[in-house]
Amino acid sequence: MSLNRIVLLPPLSALVISLSGCIGGSTPMSQFYLLEPIHATDNAPSPAEAKLLIALAPVRIPKYADRPQIVSATAQNTYQLSELNRWAEALDENMTRVLMENLSLLVPAEMQLTNTSNLAKQAKYRIAVNILEFYVDPKGQAKLNAQWDVTQDGKKLSSQQMSYQSPASTFNYQVMVTALNKCLSNLTRDIATSLRQLDDAEKSQSTSPKAALPS
């Protein structure tokens, strides 16, 4: 895999955060982007009376994506870094924050980070998310491939790997980021569904009557 650095001269009209790098009017403006959590109206379930306590490990991302520049594919085994289109914060930290906010709303749950909170030790479920792919391909399709595990008291309850894609662009970085954001939102919805199903199954087992013993 080769990483080819490119510089795009025309400034993009759409930006999330704009930082002027002009020196004497000769340097184009850099564009800075953030992945955002879903909104409360985006098909979220009604809050439960008692929220689950869930601990999330910091999201792991591929090394090629662990950089300020937004990465996209130009051909098979060939990727480019856009010096003028960058993430406004570390991508893994941005993803972790978005996942926590999304799961808090979708499960719903009280979310804690596994590495920063003593309360996380009391969590009913622990989630680890490993992002395997996160980029826009040469055809303008945003792609996300992720694996996640759910554990309880050290026992693995669920392990899944899913792929997502959404129409994007090969040149418009706001469209690209929006499509990648949609993939991340869909991933979170699937994780939330899995958590609700696990919790419902556990509640069902705990409330089901025991079979009558033979006399």
Protein backbone atom coordinates (compact mmCIF):
# COMPACT_ATOMS: atom_id res chain seq x y z
CA MET A 1 0.00 0.00 0.00
CA SER A 2 1.39 3.39 -0.92
CA LEU A 3 0.37 6.74 0.56
CA ASN A 4 0.63 9.57 -1.94
CA ARG A 5 0.44 13.04 -0.44
CA ILE A 6 -1.55 15.50 -2.53
CA VAL A 7 -2.35 19.18 -2.31
CA LEU A 8 -5.70 20.36 -3.67
CA LEU A 9 -5.45 23.98 -4.78
CA PRO A 10 -9.14 25.01 -5.08
CA PRO A 11 -10.56 25.61 -1.57
CA LEU A 12 -13.69 23.60 -0.84
CA SER A 13 -16.84 25.64 -0.34
CA ALA A 14 -18.26 23.35 2.36
CA LEU A 15 -16.48 23.08 5.67
CA VAL A 16 -17.19 22.18 9.24
CA ILE A 17 -14.45 24.23 10.86
CA SER A 18 -12.35 26.64 8.81
CA LEU A 19 -8.87 27.73 9.71
CA SER A 20 -7.17 30.35 7.58
CA GLY A 21 -3.59 29.57 6.76
CA CYS A 22 -3.15 32.49 4.43
CA ILE A 23 0.23 34.11 4.34
CA GLY A 24 0.17 37.10 2.06
CA GLY A 25 -3.00 35.69 0.45
CA SER A 26 -1.10 32.86 -1.28
CA THR A 27 -1.99 29.80 0.84
CA PRO A 28 -5.42 28.11 0.51
CA MET A 29 -7.57 27.70 3.62
CA SER A 30 -7.51 24.35 5.38
CA GLN A 31 -10.80 22.59 6.09
CA PHE A 32 -11.34 20.75 9.37
CA TYR A 33 -14.08 18.12 9.93
CA LEU A 34 -15.68 16.23 12.80
CA LEU A 35 -17.82 13.11 12.93
CA GLU A 36 -21.05 13.98 14.74
CA PRO A 37 -23.46 11.94 16.90
CA ILE A 38 -26.99 11.23 15.77
CA HIS A 39 -29.84 13.52 16.82
CA ALA A 40 -32.46 12.56 19.37
CA THR A 41 -35.12 12.42 16.65
CA ASP A 42 -33.22 9.93 14.46
CA ASN A 43 -35.42 6.89 15.25
CA ALA A 44 -34.11 6.58 18.78
CA PRO A 45 -36.15 4.44 21.20
CA SER A 46 -37.93 6.05 24.12
CA PRO A 47 -35.68 6.27 27.19
CA ALA A 48 -36.12 3.39 29.61
CA GLU A 49 -36.85 3.98 33.26
CA ALA A 50 -33.54 2.41 34.27
CA LYS A 51 -30.57 2.80 31.97
CA LEU A 52 -27.97 0.12 31.50
CA LEU A 53 -24.47 0.89 32.69
CA ILE A 54 -22.14 0.12 29.80
CA ALA A 55 -18.38 0.54 29.51
CA LEU A 56 -16.78 1.28 26.16
CA ALA A 57 -13.10 0.72 25.45
CA PRO A 58 -11.39 3.43 23.38
CA VAL A 59 -12.06 2.70 19.72
CA ARG A 60 -9.17 1.23 17.78
CA ILE A 61 -8.55 2.42 14.22
CA PRO A 62 -6.15 1.31 11.45
CA LYS A 63 -2.69 2.89 11.45
CA TYR A 64 -3.25 4.37 7.97
CA ALA A 65 -6.23 6.35 9.29
CA ASP A 66 -4.49 7.44 12.48
CA ARG A 67 -3.36 10.83 11.17
CA PRO A 68 -4.78 14.36 10.86
CA GLN A 69 -5.23 14.19 7.08
CA ILE A 70 -8.35 12.58 5.65
CA VAL A 71 -7.41 9.41 3.76
CA SER A 72 -9.11 8.22 0.57
CA ALA A 73 -8.31 5.53 -1.98
CA THR A 74 -7.35 6.47 -5.54
CA ALA A 75 -6.81 2.93 -6.87
CA GLN A 76 -6.26 -0.57 -5.56
CA ASN A 77 -3.56 -0.49 -2.86
CA THR A 78 -3.12 3.26 -3.40
CA TYR A 79 -4.29 5.95 -0.97
CA GLN A 80 -3.93 9.70 -0.74
CA LEU A 81 -3.69 12.13 2.16
CA SER A 82 -5.34 15.50 1.71
CA GLU A 83 -3.23 18.16 3.38
CA LEU A 84 -6.05 20.71 3.09
CA ASN A 85 -8.81 18.45 4.49
CA ARG A 86 -8.18 17.22 8.02
CA TRP A 87 -9.87 15.87 11.11
CA ALA A 88 -10.44 18.51 13.77
CA GLU A 89 -9.46 16.04 16.52
CA ALA A 90 -7.79 12.66 16.69
CA LEU A 91 -10.01 10.29 14.70
CA ASP A 92 -10.02 7.51 17.31
CA GLU A 93 -11.04 9.96 20.04
CA ASN A 94 -13.73 11.48 17.79
CA MET A 95 -15.14 8.01 17.04
CA THR A 96 -15.10 7.00 20.71
CA ARG A 97 -16.98 10.14 21.74
CA VAL A 98 -19.59 9.71 18.98
CA LEU A 99 -20.15 6.04 19.84
CA MET A 100 -20.65 6.90 23.50
CA GLU A 101 -23.19 9.61 22.72
CA ASN A 102 -25.02 7.42 20.19
CA LEU A 103 -25.23 4.39 22.48
CA SER A 104 -26.32 6.56 25.38
CA LEU A 105 -29.32 7.57 23.29
CA LEU A 106 -30.04 4.39 21.34
CA VAL A 107 -29.79 1.69 24.01
CA PRO A 108 -30.37 3.88 26.14
CA ALA A 109 -27.44 3.59 28.52
CA GLU A 110 -25.17 5.36 30.93
CA MET A 111 -21.83 5.18 29.14
CA GLN A 112 -18.42 5.08 30.77
CA LEU A 113 -14.95 4.76 29.30
CA THR A 114 -13.15 1.64 30.49
CA ASN A 115 -9.82 3.42 30.97
CA THR A 116 -10.92 6.56 32.78
CA SER A 117 -13.74 5.72 35.17
CA ASN A 118 -13.94 3.58 38.31
CA LEU A 119 -17.67 3.34 37.65
CA ALA A 120 -16.86 1.39 34.49
CA LYS A 121 -15.89 -1.57 36.69
CA GLN A 122 -19.54 -1.86 37.70
CA ALA A 123 -20.80 -1.89 34.10
CA LYS A 124 -23.17 -4.67 33.11
CA TYR A 125 -21.65 -4.91 29.64
CA ARG A 126 -18.27 -3.96 28.20
CA ILE A 127 -17.83 -3.17 24.52
CA ALA A 128 -14.67 -3.16 22.42
CA VAL A 129 -14.83 -1.78 18.88
CA ASN A 130 -12.07 -2.31 16.33
CA ILE A 131 -12.36 -0.32 13.10
CA LEU A 132 -10.76 -2.33 10.30
CA GLU A 133 -11.47 -0.02 7.34
CA PHE A 134 -12.56 3.61 7.18
CA TYR A 135 -12.12 5.48 3.91
CA VAL A 136 -13.75 6.51 0.62
CA ASP A 137 -12.96 4.22 -2.30
CA PRO A 138 -12.03 5.29 -5.89
CA LYS A 139 -15.70 4.99 -6.94
CA GLY A 140 -16.81 7.49 -4.31
CA GLN A 141 -18.25 4.99 -1.81
CA ALA A 142 -17.64 5.55 1.88
CA LYS A 143 -16.66 2.28 3.54
CA LEU A 144 -16.53 1.14 7.14
CA ASN A 145 -15.61 -2.34 8.29
CA ALA A 146 -15.71 -2.95 12.02
CA GLN A 147 -15.59 -5.73 14.58
CA TRP A 148 -17.09 -5.45 18.05
CA ASP A 149 -17.21 -7.66 21.11
CA VAL A 150 -19.59 -7.55 24.06
CA THR A 151 -18.43 -9.10 27.34
CA GLN A 152 -19.93 -9.51 30.79
CA ASP A 153 -17.82 -10.36 33.82
CA GLY A 154 -14.99 -11.41 31.53
CA LYS A 155 -17.21 -13.71 29.44
CA LYS A 156 -17.69 -12.94 25.76
CA LEU A 157 -21.40 -12.75 24.98
CA SER A 158 -21.24 -11.58 21.38
CA SER A 159 -18.67 -10.99 18.66
CA GLN A 160 -19.64 -9.57 15.28
CA GLN A 161 -18.03 -8.07 12.22
CA MET A 162 -20.02 -5.89 9.83
CA SER A 163 -19.34 -3.78 6.75
CA TYR A 164 -21.14 -0.58 5.79
CA GLN A 165 -21.03 1.70 2.79
CA SER A 166 -22.73 4.90 1.68
CA PRO A 167 -22.57 6.98 -1.54
CA ALA A 168 -20.03 9.76 -1.14
CA SER A 169 -17.77 11.67 -3.56
CA THR A 170 -14.25 11.49 -4.91
CA PHE A 171 -13.55 15.22 -4.47
CA ASN A 172 -16.10 16.88 -2.15
CA TYR A 173 -14.80 16.29 1.34
CA GLN A 174 -17.91 17.44 3.16
CA VAL A 175 -19.90 14.81 1.24
CA MET A 176 -17.19 12.25 1.98
CA VAL A 177 -17.23 12.96 5.72
CA THR A 178 -21.03 12.98 5.83
CA ALA A 179 -21.11 9.54 4.18
CA LEU A 180 -18.46 8.16 6.55
CA ASN A 181 -20.48 9.60 9.44
CA LYS A 182 -23.57 7.76 8.17
CA CYS A 183 -21.64 4.48 8.17
CA LEU A 184 -20.56 5.10 11.77
CA SER A 185 -24.16 5.87 12.78
CA ASN A 186 -25.33 2.60 11.21
CA LEU A 187 -22.62 0.70 13.06
CA THR A 188 -23.79 2.21 16.33
CA ARG A 189 -27.40 1.27 15.63
CA ASP A 190 -26.37 -2.35 15.11
CA ILE A 191 -24.35 -2.39 18.33
CA ALA A 192 -27.28 -0.85 20.21
CA THR A 193 -29.65 -3.46 18.78
CA SER A 194 -27.29 -6.25 19.83
CA LEU A 195 -27.06 -4.85 23.37
CA ARG A 196 -30.83 -4.53 23.72
CA GLN A 197 -31.31 -8.10 22.48
CA LEU A 198 -28.74 -9.43 24.93
CA ASP A 199 -30.34 -7.58 27.81
CA ASP A 200 -33.87 -8.66 26.82
CA ALA A 201 -32.73 -12.30 26.61
CA GLU A 202 -31.13 -12.08 30.03
CA LYS A 203 -34.26 -10.54 31.55
CA SER A 204 -36.41 -13.21 29.93
CA GLN A 205 -34.27 -15.99 31.39
CA SER A 206 -34.33 -14.47 34.85
CA THR A 207 -38.12 -14.12 34.89
CA SER A 208 -39.12 -17.40 33.21
CA PRO A 209 -40.66 -19.95 35.62
CA LYS A 210 -38.60 -23.02 36.37
CA ALA A 211 -39.86 -26.30 35.00
CA ALA A 212 -41.84 -28.29 37.53
CA LEU A 213 -39.87 -31.08 39.15
CA PRO A 214 -41.32 -34.61 38.76
CA SER A 215 -43.01 -35.96 41.91
